Each structure stands twice: as C-alpha cells, then as structure tokens.
Amino acid sequence: MYVKLCGLRTASDVATAVEAGADAVGFVLTTSPRQIDAETAAALVREVPPGVLSVGVFRGVEAAEVARLATLTGVGAVQLHGAYPRSAFDEVAAVGVPLIRAVSLHAETDVRVGAFGEDMLLLDSPDAGSGHRWDLAALEGARPDGRWLLAGGLDARNVSEAVAQAKPWGVDVSSGVESSRGVKDHGLMRDFVAAARS
C-alpha cells in the first residue's frame, strides 16, 4: 500500500514521515492552513531522502506559476488539485517530474489514470483538506485502475476499512494526522502508516 502524508510544514514532520515509512510527502504551495512558502518547501525537499517522493501540491495556481515553483523548490512531483484542464498538465509536464491529478468524484469525472497525462490519480473529498469523508459507494462502477490514491477523511481508525472497501493502490492523508488544523501529530502520522499497511 502506497502511503502519502500531505501538508507537512517542518523538518520534524518530514523526519517523522520518513521514519514511519511514508512513500511520499506533500508540501502545500497554495492557499491553505498548511501552506508553506517556496523557500521553506525547498529546504524541506532537501530533507527528503532518495526513495521518498516529494510532492508540491497546487490548487488554483496558474500552470506557468506551478512550473516555476516546482522548479524553484526542486519537488520530485507535482499535484494539481481541482478543475485543471488537460492543457495545464501539458504545460507543467515540461518540468520533467511525475504529475498527480487530484479531483473529487462526480458523474463527469474521468477516472482513467493517465487521462490528463498524469502518472497518478488522487480521488478526494469534495471539500479537500476538510477531514470530511465521502461516500465510497460512489466508486461502484467508477473505480479507477492502476496507480490511484484514496483521500478524504481518512485517519488511523478508518483507513483499513476504507482500503478494504475502495481497493485503492494507495492512500493520502493530511487532516487525519493533525492535532489541530495545519499542525501534524507525529504519533498519528506513525499510526496512520501502520494502519494503512495492516
């Protein structure tokens, strides 16, 4: 089970995620309680060892600015969250890092991994970062194949059940491993990785 811990803001967050066995760590470079600036992100990316993917997370940021910030920070992948068009993925692809398309599941959502040129697909709650779960029954008849991550309201208590129901390739968590909004709880981070893999 591939595990991404998102919204990390400090070197100790990164160290804990790595020690817990996370496969990927996410840094939010857009308006959010978890937002960090490019300089901080670049410093944290340098703390991420080989074998762990560093992901720059963007929502509502123009593709040209995404590409600029991705290059500036040195992230190993870019996550475009929300209603980005295919052309945005094409533009950001020029950076030369893997792309993650993060969307909510609606009737019109294209759930084919790679449909926009992305390397991974992330299906999230309609209210991303809120900690609210969504109805996984909506995946019936719309379950992606391949490298896709489940997100939205996951925590150490419910991730095993969610994995059993949704059968994702991986999982992503942010608010479910926080002691308060935007502040990571290192114990919860460890617990989540262990539960996701159980």
Protein backbone atom coordinates (compact mmCIF):
# COMPACT_ATOMS: atom_id res chain seq x y z
CA MET A 1 0.00 0.00 0.00
CA TYR A 2 1.47 3.31 -1.17
CA VAL A 3 1.15 5.99 1.55
CA LYS A 4 1.39 9.76 1.04
CA LEU A 5 1.43 12.10 4.04
CA CYS A 6 0.45 15.60 2.92
CA GLY A 7 0.61 19.13 4.28
CA LEU A 8 3.96 18.76 6.04
CA ARG A 9 5.43 22.05 7.25
CA THR A 10 8.52 21.33 9.37
CA ALA A 11 11.73 19.33 9.22
CA SER A 12 10.49 17.19 12.11
CA ASP A 13 7.30 16.44 10.14
CA VAL A 14 9.45 15.20 7.27
CA ALA A 15 11.73 13.17 9.53
CA THR A 16 8.73 11.52 11.19
CA ALA A 17 7.07 10.71 7.86
CA VAL A 18 10.27 9.14 6.54
CA GLU A 19 10.88 7.18 9.75
CA ALA A 20 7.27 5.95 9.69
CA GLY A 21 7.78 4.58 6.18
CA ALA A 22 5.80 7.02 4.04
CA ASP A 23 6.32 6.60 0.29
CA ALA A 24 5.57 10.26 -0.46
CA VAL A 25 5.35 13.57 1.39
CA GLY A 26 3.33 16.56 0.23
CA PHE A 27 4.08 20.26 0.57
CA VAL A 28 1.20 22.68 0.01
CA LEU A 29 2.20 25.71 -2.08
CA THR A 30 -1.24 27.26 -2.36
CA THR A 31 -3.70 28.98 -0.02
CA SER A 32 -4.38 26.61 2.88
CA PRO A 33 -3.82 26.32 6.65
CA ARG A 34 -0.95 24.03 5.58
CA GLN A 35 0.62 26.43 3.08
CA ILE A 36 4.37 26.99 3.15
CA ASP A 37 6.44 29.37 1.05
CA ALA A 38 8.78 28.28 -1.72
CA GLU A 39 11.90 28.84 0.37
CA THR A 40 10.61 26.61 3.18
CA ALA A 41 9.48 23.99 0.68
CA ALA A 42 12.91 23.93 -0.97
CA ALA A 43 14.57 23.45 2.43
CA LEU A 44 12.18 20.60 3.32
CA VAL A 45 12.63 18.92 -0.06
CA ARG A 46 16.35 18.73 0.71
CA GLU A 47 15.46 16.73 3.87
CA VAL A 48 13.60 14.07 1.86
CA PRO A 49 15.83 11.04 1.19
CA PRO A 50 16.03 9.17 -2.12
CA GLY A 51 13.21 6.67 -2.39
CA VAL A 52 10.63 9.02 -0.85
CA LEU A 53 8.72 11.20 -3.32
CA SER A 54 8.44 14.93 -2.50
CA VAL A 55 5.24 16.40 -3.95
CA GLY A 56 4.36 20.05 -4.49
CA VAL A 57 0.61 20.49 -4.10
CA PHE A 58 -1.17 23.25 -6.04
CA ARG A 59 -4.79 24.39 -6.32
CA GLY A 60 -5.98 27.42 -8.24
CA VAL A 61 -2.45 28.38 -9.29
CA GLU A 62 -1.77 29.11 -12.98
CA ALA A 63 0.18 26.37 -14.73
CA ALA A 64 3.12 28.67 -15.56
CA GLU A 65 3.46 29.59 -11.87
CA VAL A 66 3.17 25.93 -10.87
CA ALA A 67 6.02 25.10 -13.22
CA ARG A 68 8.11 27.96 -11.84
CA LEU A 69 7.56 26.97 -8.21
CA ALA A 70 8.13 23.28 -8.91
CA THR A 71 11.47 24.11 -10.48
CA LEU A 72 12.39 26.57 -7.71
CA THR A 73 11.59 24.15 -4.88
CA GLY A 74 13.00 21.04 -6.50
CA VAL A 75 9.98 18.86 -5.72
CA GLY A 76 10.03 15.38 -7.18
CA ALA A 77 6.40 15.51 -8.37
CA VAL A 78 3.56 17.99 -8.87
CA GLN A 79 -0.04 17.51 -7.70
CA LEU A 80 -2.64 19.62 -9.49
CA HIS A 81 -5.73 19.70 -7.31
CA GLY A 82 -9.12 20.64 -8.70
CA ALA A 83 -10.51 21.53 -12.12
CA TYR A 84 -7.27 21.92 -14.08
CA PRO A 85 -7.65 21.39 -17.84
CA ARG A 86 -5.56 18.94 -19.82
CA SER A 87 -3.55 21.89 -21.18
CA ALA A 88 -2.31 22.70 -17.66
CA PHE A 89 -0.92 19.19 -17.28
CA ASP A 90 0.77 19.50 -20.65
CA GLU A 91 2.38 22.80 -19.59
CA VAL A 92 3.56 21.53 -16.20
CA ALA A 93 4.85 18.30 -17.77
CA ALA A 94 7.68 20.36 -19.25
CA VAL A 95 9.21 20.48 -15.74
CA GLY A 96 10.00 16.79 -16.19
CA VAL A 97 8.58 15.39 -12.94
CA PRO A 98 5.69 12.97 -12.35
CA LEU A 99 2.22 14.52 -12.20
CA ILE A 100 -0.67 13.72 -9.87
CA ARG A 101 -4.24 14.69 -10.85
CA ALA A 102 -6.32 15.24 -7.70
CA VAL A 103 -10.09 15.51 -8.17
CA SER A 104 -13.39 14.74 -6.48
CA LEU A 105 -15.59 12.00 -7.88
CA HIS A 106 -18.59 13.30 -9.81
CA ALA A 107 -20.61 11.82 -12.66
CA GLU A 108 -18.39 13.62 -15.18
CA THR A 109 -15.02 12.80 -13.54
CA ASP A 110 -12.68 10.92 -15.86
CA VAL A 111 -11.34 8.18 -13.58
CA ARG A 112 -8.88 6.77 -16.09
CA VAL A 113 -5.37 7.08 -14.65
CA GLY A 114 -3.35 8.98 -17.23
CA ALA A 115 -6.35 10.60 -18.93
CA PHE A 116 -4.72 14.04 -18.50
CA GLY A 117 -1.19 12.76 -18.88
CA GLU A 118 -0.77 12.25 -15.14
CA ASP A 119 1.21 9.45 -13.52
CA MET A 120 -1.16 9.04 -10.56
CA LEU A 121 -4.79 9.89 -9.87
CA LEU A 122 -5.99 11.00 -6.44
CA LEU A 123 -9.70 10.87 -5.57
CA ASP A 124 -10.53 13.24 -2.73
CA SER A 125 -13.48 14.55 -0.77
CA PRO A 126 -15.43 17.37 -2.47
CA ASP A 127 -14.17 19.54 0.43
CA ALA A 128 -10.43 18.78 0.15
CA GLY A 129 -8.41 19.11 3.35
CA SER A 130 -11.52 19.32 5.50
CA GLY A 131 -11.23 15.86 7.04
CA HIS A 132 -14.72 15.01 5.78
CA ARG A 133 -15.26 11.51 4.44
CA TRP A 134 -17.14 10.90 1.22
CA ASP A 135 -19.41 8.08 0.17
CA LEU A 136 -17.12 5.36 -1.15
CA ALA A 137 -20.13 3.56 -2.59
CA ALA A 138 -19.86 6.12 -5.40
CA LEU A 139 -16.84 4.15 -6.61
CA GLU A 140 -19.06 1.27 -7.70
CA GLY A 141 -18.86 1.32 -11.47
CA ALA A 142 -16.31 4.16 -11.37
CA ARG A 143 -13.31 2.57 -9.67
CA PRO A 144 -10.03 3.55 -11.36
CA ASP A 145 -7.43 1.02 -12.42
CA GLY A 146 -3.73 1.40 -11.76
CA ARG A 147 -1.91 3.97 -9.66
CA TRP A 148 -4.68 5.79 -7.82
CA LEU A 149 -4.82 7.13 -4.28
CA LEU A 150 -7.81 7.43 -1.99
CA ALA A 151 -8.07 10.58 0.13
CA GLY A 152 -10.68 12.44 2.12
CA GLY A 153 -11.44 11.98 5.81
CA LEU A 154 -9.00 9.15 6.36
CA ASP A 155 -7.29 8.54 9.69
CA ALA A 156 -5.68 5.65 11.55
CA ARG A 157 -9.07 4.43 12.82
CA ASN A 158 -10.82 4.14 9.45
CA VAL A 159 -8.13 3.67 6.81
CA SER A 160 -8.11 -0.14 6.92
CA GLU A 161 -11.88 -0.29 6.36
CA ALA A 162 -11.67 2.33 3.59
CA VAL A 163 -8.92 0.40 1.82
CA ALA A 164 -10.93 -2.81 2.03
CA GLN A 165 -13.98 -1.09 0.52
CA ALA A 166 -12.34 1.12 -2.12
CA LYS A 167 -9.36 -1.11 -3.06
CA PRO A 168 -7.04 1.80 -3.96
CA TRP A 169 -3.41 1.46 -4.98
CA GLY A 170 -2.51 3.98 -2.29
CA VAL A 171 -3.85 6.41 0.29
CA ASP A 172 -3.26 10.08 1.09
CA VAL A 173 -3.84 11.85 4.39
CA SER A 174 -3.47 15.36 5.77
CA SER A 175 -6.05 16.49 8.34
CA GLY A 176 -6.40 12.95 9.71
CA VAL A 177 -2.90 13.13 11.19
CA GLU A 178 -3.19 16.56 12.80
CA SER A 179 -3.56 17.68 16.41
CA SER A 180 -5.05 20.97 15.19
CA ARG A 181 -5.68 22.39 11.74
CA GLY A 182 -2.35 22.53 9.91
CA VAL A 183 -0.31 21.06 12.80
CA LYS A 184 0.88 17.49 12.33
CA ASP A 185 0.73 15.00 15.21
CA HIS A 186 3.75 12.73 14.84
CA GLY A 187 2.13 9.87 16.74
CA LEU A 188 -0.90 9.97 14.47
CA MET A 189 1.38 10.02 11.42
CA ARG A 190 3.08 6.81 12.57
CA ASP A 191 -0.24 5.22 13.47
CA PHE A 192 -1.71 6.05 10.07
CA VAL A 193 1.13 4.49 8.08
CA ALA A 194 0.98 1.34 10.21
CA ALA A 195 -2.82 1.09 9.90
CA ALA A 196 -2.77 1.67 6.14
CA ARG A 197 -0.36 -1.20 5.73
CA SER A 198 -2.18 -3.57 8.10
